[in-house]
């Protein structure tokens, strides 16, 4: 199972430039709407200092980072929910991803046109949100029409579902995304089946340049604060130039000279990882160290299945030690001698940072 974050936004806001910087792939980034028609896909490694420490500790011959997949989706325009621009195609691509990173234009550049005629981040955010809400309303209304005749059967499941659907419709009619609606566990199970766009986690990314006024950044931050969403500030054009002209250490020194302590790209990748409710565990085998991505609250047998389905089927136990404990002890062998390696069953809930060896019947 892969984990994907879709890069969305209006045309000409820098989506493909952000994608290029993230993935170091050179997809087109031109000054005209719908430059990206088919989604571009790229895998991005997630930096994790724990992986570096573990690699030194076991003297690893190979170290493999965990990844997240980014998908650059065609630009959305006003009226997309009704088919404007590449509307239906765009929205179908959004349905396929696990979460969203909305790129919002906050840069000033007279050579790059803005499809709405003015640079106003708050307005741009609202356009995208409304289009996604309208599409979700269409989905909900279709479902209501489909199951309404079955209410006559007195089957309890249809009564429960119609209550959930009406709750969602009322919320969406008020121009609110589904992700902000409180739902109990049973309601969440219904919602999962609808593929609603506004139920997906989202990050706001303000794409700036050296001419960006504080007022534009403030608009994005305020919107994120009101919705309880994380906001990433990113100079995508600068990041691309740094990747092309410098190695990683030189690029970081250049950022620091500009007062930028951390790459906006890494912030975005890590925030996407967090938004998708993901955690990392590590495996060591024959001095080969690897990080793996799973959702929070994944049980041990399912985590083993992430590596290979046979490991889940033949699961015996998981030998587990938290990263911090292993780091303190200094070696797997010593940790085993001290009794710090715990044997856990298939119902063990894997924690972020667990270092695991799975035992299974092949």
Foldseek 3Di string as FASTA:
>chain_A
DAAEAEEAFAQQQCLVLLVCLQAVDDQDRDQDAFSPADKDKHKGFADDVLQVLVCVLLVFPAEAGAIHMYIYAGYDDQPLLVPPDNNVVRVVVLLPHQAYEYEAHQEDDPVHADPVRDRARLVRVLRVLLSLLSNLLVLLVVVCVVCVVVVVVVPPVSVVLVVLSVVSNVCSVVSHFPCQDDDDPVSVVSVVVSSRSSVHFYAYEYAYDPPGDVVRVVSSVVVCVVSVHHYQYAPSVLSSVLVVPHDPVVSCVVCVVVVHNDHSSSVVRVSSCVSSQKAWEWEADPSHIYIYIDHFQQFPLVSLVSVPVQCSVFFDWKFKAASVVCSVQSHPVSCVVVVRGDTGDRRHGDDHRIYIDTDGDD
